[in-house]
Amino acid sequence: QDAFDLVAKFNKIDLDGNSALEQKEVVKALQAISESTSYDKIRATLKEINLSSTGNVDIEKFIELIVKLREGRNKTAFAVNKQKITIHGISQNVLHTINEDEKTEFTRHINQVLINDSDVKNKILIDTNTMQLFDECKNRLIFAKLINDFVLDKIDEQVLNMPVKGKKVNKFKMTENNNLVIFSAKGIGCNVVLSGRLSSLTIKQNRYKTSPRVVSTLKDDETLEQFLKLLPDRILLRWFNYHLKAAKWNQRVKNFSKDVSDSANYTVLLNQLKPNLCLRDLLNIPDLLERAEKVLQNAEKLGYRKYLIPKALVAGNPKLNLVFIAHLFNTHPCLDSLDKEEKVELEEFDNRV
């Protein structure tokens, strides 16, 4: 009787009657059937099943999936820590670690950027509490959209391989999208790290081109050429400390982790940028999580509460702090305008590089 029930469930999901289900259909349907069956549990169990080259689930594999879920045989596929998710790779000897706070905040950012995009609107909102983000990025369309959000029309979206009439992009077309994304990412100054068919993209663009006034933070014995050869994170630290010094604050930041984890330097920075909105009285709050929340509320007053949550700030997450500071720098640099000589020197440097 149980087997007949499973077949009936399969047929109920298989609306077009082709005896094959896409994985996302299976995940959605099984979540609806049982609240205790989570997205990540189904996702991890699917990876244990030997599917066909199409990646679709037929009736036999559907029953196998249900049996495995009932047995809980996927319990070692991934483990969740307080802040990290550890996932087994193709080989059981290979482990990949994902920071939970980073996954959540980057997912939230992607949702915000793409909420009105017609091509991917069916994928939004991506659940910030599951591994759905990684499944949705497989065809590379989200990467392409993010690149175009960063640099308008960097990728001609007409050449992207899109899902047609509900059919997912096949592996060959995914590879074409992937190559286009990697090429375009390099073109806007990203550092592209390849690992087989997977890639990770990190923005490394020279931010002085977005806010050339940052050269006003030059030290007395430093040339413009020396300054502009600094790595972007060093330039951001220079900018941060420039404002701390101007605020007559006795501390300086050397990193985006420990030195900002108590929120004191953030408090002073925001006060220096917008003294009428962001007060220093936050320094009197002894609880670090409460102080971090107040700092982020101040950031919200400036219209850019993004990327950070209190626990990630207190934990000193370097990646999230870096993108938080980069966004603040891009929106509120609060630097003096360049004089004519500095503008000429900057243009000459740009022409040489």
Protein backbone atom coordinates (compact mmCIF):
# COMPACT_ATOMS: atom_id res chain seq x y z
CA GLN A 1 0.00 0.00 0.00
CA ASP A 2 2.88 2.36 0.83
CA ALA A 3 4.38 1.86 -2.64
CA PHE A 4 1.04 2.79 -4.25
CA ASP A 5 0.89 5.91 -2.08
CA LEU A 6 4.36 6.95 -3.23
CA VAL A 7 3.44 6.42 -6.88
CA ALA A 8 0.32 8.52 -6.34
CA LYS A 9 2.41 11.32 -4.80
CA PHE A 10 4.81 11.17 -7.74
CA ASN A 11 1.98 11.39 -10.28
CA LYS A 12 0.47 14.31 -8.40
CA ILE A 13 3.75 16.22 -8.77
CA ASP A 14 4.30 15.11 -12.39
CA LEU A 15 1.82 17.53 -13.92
CA ASP A 16 3.05 17.18 -17.51
CA GLY A 17 3.03 13.38 -17.33
CA ASN A 18 6.56 12.81 -18.69
CA SER A 19 7.51 10.53 -15.76
CA ALA A 20 10.45 12.74 -14.80
CA LEU A 21 10.62 15.53 -12.23
CA GLU A 22 13.08 18.37 -11.95
CA GLN A 23 14.88 18.41 -8.64
CA LYS A 24 13.41 21.77 -7.62
CA GLU A 25 9.89 20.34 -8.18
CA VAL A 26 10.71 17.43 -5.90
CA VAL A 27 12.14 19.66 -3.19
CA LYS A 28 9.15 22.01 -3.25
CA ALA A 29 6.61 19.18 -3.22
CA LEU A 30 8.25 17.22 -0.41
CA GLN A 31 8.55 20.34 1.72
CA ALA A 32 4.81 20.87 1.28
CA ILE A 33 4.05 17.27 2.25
CA SER A 34 6.07 17.32 5.47
CA GLU A 35 7.18 20.33 7.49
CA SER A 36 9.93 18.22 9.10
CA THR A 37 11.54 17.61 5.68
CA SER A 38 13.78 20.63 5.19
CA TYR A 39 15.16 22.01 1.93
CA ASP A 40 18.72 21.17 2.96
CA LYS A 41 17.83 17.64 4.04
CA ILE A 42 16.17 16.88 0.68
CA ARG A 43 19.00 18.57 -1.21
CA ALA A 44 21.67 16.55 0.60
CA THR A 45 19.81 13.27 0.11
CA LEU A 46 19.37 13.90 -3.62
CA LYS A 47 23.15 14.07 -3.90
CA GLU A 48 23.35 10.47 -2.65
CA ILE A 49 21.13 9.19 -5.44
CA ASN A 50 22.57 8.20 -8.81
CA LEU A 51 20.38 10.28 -11.12
CA SER A 52 20.38 10.18 -14.91
CA SER A 53 22.49 12.57 -17.00
CA THR A 54 19.54 14.98 -17.13
CA GLY A 55 19.51 15.26 -13.36
CA ASN A 56 15.78 14.57 -13.31
CA VAL A 57 14.05 12.24 -10.83
CA ASP A 58 12.01 9.32 -12.19
CA ILE A 59 9.58 7.22 -10.14
CA GLU A 60 12.24 4.70 -9.09
CA LYS A 61 14.61 7.42 -7.84
CA PHE A 62 11.69 9.22 -6.19
CA ILE A 63 10.91 6.16 -4.09
CA GLU A 64 14.61 5.73 -3.28
CA LEU A 65 14.71 9.37 -2.14
CA ILE A 66 11.70 8.91 0.14
CA VAL A 67 13.23 5.78 1.69
CA LYS A 68 16.54 7.51 2.36
CA LEU A 69 14.78 10.50 3.90
CA ARG A 70 12.82 8.22 6.21
CA GLU A 71 15.99 6.40 7.23
CA GLY A 72 17.86 9.65 7.78
CA ARG A 73 20.82 8.33 5.81
CA ASN A 74 21.97 11.76 4.73
CA LYS A 75 22.74 12.99 8.24
CA THR A 76 26.51 13.18 7.55
CA ALA A 77 26.12 15.07 4.27
CA PHE A 78 26.43 18.40 6.01
CA ALA A 79 26.79 19.60 9.57
CA VAL A 80 25.73 22.96 10.91
CA ASN A 81 27.81 24.75 13.51
CA LYS A 82 26.94 28.04 15.20
CA GLN A 83 28.46 30.03 12.37
CA LYS A 84 29.78 27.52 9.84
CA ILE A 85 28.37 24.82 7.58
CA THR A 86 30.66 21.93 6.72
CA ILE A 87 29.82 20.02 3.54
CA HIS A 88 31.28 16.81 2.17
CA GLY A 89 32.68 17.14 -1.34
CA ILE A 90 32.52 14.50 -4.05
CA SER A 91 35.11 12.58 -2.07
CA GLN A 92 34.28 11.91 1.58
CA ASN A 93 37.81 13.04 2.42
CA VAL A 94 37.11 16.54 1.07
CA LEU A 95 35.33 19.11 3.23
CA HIS A 96 34.09 22.57 2.26
CA THR A 97 33.31 25.15 4.94
CA ILE A 98 30.79 27.93 4.40
CA ASN A 99 30.32 30.76 6.87
CA GLU A 100 26.65 30.92 7.78
CA ASP A 101 26.59 34.69 8.34
CA GLU A 102 28.25 35.33 4.96
CA LYS A 103 25.81 33.04 3.16
CA THR A 104 22.85 34.75 4.80
CA GLU A 105 23.99 38.31 4.11
CA PHE A 106 25.09 37.66 0.52
CA THR A 107 21.76 35.92 -0.13
CA ARG A 108 19.90 38.90 1.32
CA HIS A 109 21.91 41.24 -0.91
CA ILE A 110 21.17 39.16 -4.02
CA ASN A 111 17.46 39.18 -3.21
CA GLN A 112 17.53 42.95 -2.84
CA VAL A 113 19.39 43.51 -6.12
CA LEU A 114 17.31 41.12 -8.22
CA ILE A 115 13.85 41.49 -6.74
CA ASN A 116 12.47 43.29 -9.82
CA ASP A 117 14.46 41.43 -12.48
CA SER A 118 12.09 39.69 -14.91
CA ASP A 119 14.52 36.90 -15.86
CA VAL A 120 15.10 35.60 -12.35
CA LYS A 121 12.04 36.80 -10.46
CA ASN A 122 10.77 33.22 -10.15
CA LYS A 123 13.86 32.45 -8.08
CA ILE A 124 13.34 35.33 -5.65
CA LEU A 125 13.16 35.33 -2.74
CA ILE A 126 15.97 32.86 -2.11
CA ASP A 127 15.66 31.41 1.37
CA THR A 128 18.45 32.84 3.53
CA ASN A 129 18.26 29.91 5.96
CA THR A 130 18.99 27.08 3.50
CA MET A 131 21.50 26.08 0.82
CA GLN A 132 19.10 27.18 -1.95
CA LEU A 133 21.47 29.96 -3.04
CA PHE A 134 24.01 27.47 -4.40
CA ASP A 135 21.39 25.63 -6.42
CA GLU A 136 20.01 28.82 -7.93
CA CYS A 137 23.49 29.95 -9.03
CA LYS A 138 24.23 26.83 -11.08
CA ASN A 139 23.24 28.32 -14.44
CA ARG A 140 25.29 31.48 -13.65
CA LEU A 141 22.43 33.87 -14.49
CA ILE A 142 22.49 35.39 -11.02
CA PHE A 143 26.24 36.01 -11.33
CA ALA A 144 25.65 37.79 -14.63
CA LYS A 145 22.91 39.95 -13.12
CA LEU A 146 25.16 40.92 -10.20
CA ILE A 147 27.96 41.93 -12.57
CA ASN A 148 25.54 44.12 -14.52
CA ASP A 149 24.34 45.67 -11.28
CA PHE A 150 27.95 46.53 -10.46
CA VAL A 151 28.82 47.79 -13.96
CA LEU A 152 25.76 48.68 -16.05
CA ASP A 153 25.35 46.50 -19.18
CA LYS A 154 28.77 44.89 -18.82
CA ILE A 155 27.19 41.67 -20.11
CA ASP A 156 24.82 41.71 -23.08
CA GLU A 157 21.99 39.69 -21.56
CA GLN A 158 20.73 38.70 -25.00
CA VAL A 159 23.67 36.31 -25.34
CA LEU A 160 22.96 34.58 -22.01
CA ASN A 161 21.38 31.14 -22.12
CA MET A 162 18.06 31.48 -20.30
CA PRO A 163 15.57 28.78 -19.28
CA VAL A 164 12.98 28.39 -22.04
CA LYS A 165 9.36 27.40 -21.41
CA GLY A 166 10.12 26.09 -17.96
CA LYS A 167 13.05 23.94 -19.12
CA LYS A 168 16.26 24.42 -17.19
CA VAL A 169 19.54 25.38 -18.86
CA ASN A 170 21.52 22.27 -19.84
CA LYS A 171 25.12 21.69 -18.74
CA PHE A 172 26.63 22.78 -22.06
CA LYS A 173 24.80 26.11 -21.95
CA MET A 174 25.65 26.50 -18.27
CA THR A 175 29.31 26.26 -19.27
CA GLU A 176 28.80 28.96 -21.90
CA ASN A 177 27.22 31.21 -19.28
CA ASN A 178 30.04 30.39 -16.89
CA ASN A 179 32.74 31.37 -19.39
CA LEU A 180 30.96 34.65 -20.14
CA VAL A 181 30.65 35.44 -16.44
CA ILE A 182 34.32 34.71 -15.75
CA PHE A 183 35.49 36.80 -18.71
CA SER A 184 33.25 39.71 -17.70
CA ALA A 185 34.21 39.46 -14.04
CA LYS A 186 37.88 39.76 -14.94
CA GLY A 187 36.99 42.75 -17.11
CA ILE A 188 35.61 44.70 -14.13
CA GLY A 189 38.57 43.93 -11.90
CA CYS A 190 37.43 40.79 -10.09
CA ASN A 191 39.85 38.18 -8.86
CA VAL A 192 38.57 34.89 -10.31
CA VAL A 193 39.62 31.73 -8.52
CA LEU A 194 38.88 28.55 -10.44
CA SER A 195 38.47 25.06 -9.04
CA GLY A 196 37.45 22.63 -11.77
CA ARG A 197 34.06 23.80 -13.00
CA LEU A 198 33.44 25.95 -9.96
CA SER A 199 34.55 29.52 -9.58
CA SER A 200 34.61 32.11 -6.84
CA LEU A 201 34.55 35.80 -7.63
CA THR A 202 35.96 38.51 -5.39
CA ILE A 203 35.69 42.19 -6.24
CA LYS A 204 39.18 43.68 -6.45
CA GLN A 205 38.41 46.80 -8.44
CA ASN A 206 40.48 49.90 -7.76
CA ARG A 207 38.01 51.95 -5.75
CA TYR A 208 39.83 55.25 -6.32
CA LYS A 209 38.22 55.26 -9.78
CA THR A 210 34.81 55.41 -8.10
CA SER A 211 35.87 58.01 -5.56
CA PRO A 212 39.11 59.68 -6.68
CA ARG A 213 39.02 62.02 -3.68
CA VAL A 214 40.48 59.17 -1.63
CA VAL A 215 43.92 60.34 -2.77
CA SER A 216 43.51 63.17 -0.28
CA THR A 217 44.49 60.60 2.37
CA LEU A 218 48.08 60.50 1.09
CA LYS A 219 50.77 60.63 3.75
CA ASP A 220 53.31 63.47 3.71
CA ASP A 221 56.16 61.39 2.27
CA GLU A 222 54.00 59.35 -0.12
CA THR A 223 53.61 59.84 -3.86
CA LEU A 224 50.33 59.41 -5.69
CA GLU A 225 51.77 56.51 -7.68
CA GLN A 226 52.79 54.70 -4.49
CA PHE A 227 49.36 55.21 -3.00
CA LEU A 228 47.43 54.01 -6.05
CA LYS A 229 49.38 50.75 -6.07
CA LEU A 230 47.95 49.82 -2.68
CA LEU A 231 45.52 46.90 -2.56
CA PRO A 232 41.86 47.94 -2.26
CA ASP A 233 41.53 46.73 1.33
CA ARG A 234 44.61 48.79 2.28
CA ILE A 235 43.03 51.86 0.69
CA LEU A 236 39.86 51.28 2.71
CA LEU A 237 41.87 50.99 5.92
CA ARG A 238 43.69 54.20 5.01
CA TRP A 239 40.35 55.95 4.52
CA PHE A 240 38.98 54.56 7.80
CA ASN A 241 42.03 55.74 9.76
CA TYR A 242 42.03 59.11 8.01
CA HIS A 243 38.63 59.82 9.53
CA LEU A 244 39.57 58.39 12.94
CA LYS A 245 42.54 60.75 13.03
CA ALA A 246 40.38 63.68 11.96
CA ALA A 247 38.00 62.80 14.80
CA LYS A 248 40.96 63.01 17.25
CA TRP A 249 40.38 59.38 18.22
CA ASN A 250 43.43 57.59 19.62
CA GLN A 251 42.74 54.19 18.03
CA ARG A 252 43.54 52.97 14.50
CA VAL A 253 42.32 49.94 12.56
CA LYS A 254 44.74 47.46 11.00
CA ASN A 255 42.22 44.81 9.99
CA PHE A 256 38.51 44.20 9.39
CA SER A 257 38.08 41.72 12.22
CA LYS A 258 39.40 42.21 15.75
CA ASP A 259 39.91 45.97 15.44
CA VAL A 260 36.23 46.62 14.67
CA SER A 261 34.57 43.85 16.68
CA ASP A 262 33.75 46.06 19.69
CA SER A 263 32.09 48.68 17.41
CA ALA A 264 34.04 51.54 19.01
CA ASN A 265 35.90 52.50 15.84
CA TYR A 266 32.69 52.19 13.82
CA THR A 267 30.94 54.49 16.29
CA VAL A 268 33.60 57.17 15.89
CA LEU A 269 33.75 56.77 12.10
CA LEU A 270 30.00 57.21 11.66
CA ASN A 271 30.00 60.16 14.04
CA GLN A 272 32.77 61.78 12.01
CA LEU A 273 30.86 61.23 8.76
CA LYS A 274 27.46 62.38 10.06
CA PRO A 275 27.81 63.99 13.52
CA ASN A 276 24.21 65.23 13.57
CA LEU A 277 22.80 61.71 13.04
CA CYS A 278 25.34 59.34 14.59
CA LEU A 279 26.28 60.11 18.19
CA ARG A 280 29.25 58.81 20.17
CA ASP A 281 27.16 57.95 23.23
CA LEU A 282 27.04 54.39 21.89
CA LEU A 283 30.51 53.99 23.40
CA ASN A 284 28.87 53.90 26.84
CA ILE A 285 26.91 50.74 26.02
CA PRO A 286 28.73 47.81 27.72
CA ASP A 287 26.99 44.97 25.88
CA LEU A 288 28.80 44.47 22.56
CA LEU A 289 25.83 42.96 20.72
CA GLU A 290 23.61 45.85 21.78
CA ARG A 291 26.28 48.35 20.77
CA ALA A 292 26.70 46.62 17.40
CA GLU A 293 22.96 46.85 16.79
CA LYS A 294 23.01 50.58 17.58
CA VAL A 295 25.92 51.07 15.15
CA LEU A 296 23.94 49.35 12.41
CA GLN A 297 20.93 51.50 13.25
CA ASN A 298 23.16 54.53 12.72
CA ALA A 299 24.23 53.07 9.38
CA GLU A 300 20.55 52.73 8.52
CA LYS A 301 20.10 56.46 9.18
CA LEU A 302 22.63 57.00 6.40
CA GLY A 303 20.55 54.72 4.19
CA TYR A 304 22.89 51.78 3.84
CA ARG A 305 22.41 49.11 6.51
CA LYS A 306 23.74 46.21 4.46
CA TYR A 307 25.88 43.08 4.77
CA LEU A 308 26.34 43.09 8.55
CA ILE A 309 24.29 41.82 11.46
CA PRO A 310 25.28 42.35 15.11
CA LYS A 311 26.64 38.85 15.75
CA ALA A 312 28.81 38.96 12.60
CA LEU A 313 30.17 42.35 13.62
CA VAL A 314 31.01 41.18 17.16
CA ALA A 315 32.51 37.97 15.77
CA GLY A 316 34.80 40.10 13.60
CA ASN A 317 33.83 38.55 10.26
CA PRO A 318 36.46 40.07 7.92
CA LYS A 319 34.59 39.56 4.63
CA LEU A 320 31.33 41.10 5.79
CA ASN A 321 33.13 43.98 7.50
CA LEU A 322 35.11 44.60 4.33
CA VAL A 323 32.05 44.87 2.08
CA PHE A 324 30.27 46.97 4.71
CA ILE A 325 33.16 49.46 4.80
CA ALA A 326 33.51 49.40 0.99
CA HIS A 327 29.83 50.27 0.61
CA LEU A 328 30.13 53.05 3.19
CA PHE A 329 33.21 54.40 1.42
CA ASN A 330 31.43 54.42 -1.93
CA THR A 331 28.34 56.19 -0.59
CA HIS A 332 29.79 58.53 2.07
CA PRO A 333 33.50 59.15 1.41
CA CYS A 334 33.36 62.62 3.02
CA LEU A 335 36.71 63.69 1.55
CA ASP A 336 37.98 66.97 0.18
CA SER A 337 37.74 67.56 -3.55
CA LEU A 338 40.92 67.19 -5.60
CA ASP A 339 42.78 70.29 -6.64
CA LYS A 340 43.83 70.79 -10.28
CA GLU A 341 47.33 69.36 -9.81
CA GLU A 342 45.98 66.20 -8.15
CA LYS A 343 43.44 65.71 -10.94
CA VAL A 344 46.14 65.98 -13.60
CA GLU A 345 48.42 63.58 -11.73
CA LEU A 346 45.60 61.06 -11.30
CA GLU A 347 44.72 61.23 -15.01
CA GLU A 348 48.37 60.71 -15.95
CA PHE A 349 48.56 57.66 -13.71
CA ASP A 350 45.36 56.20 -15.22
CA ASN A 351 46.82 56.62 -18.70
CA ARG A 352 49.92 54.65 -17.71
CA VAL A 353 48.13 51.65 -16.19
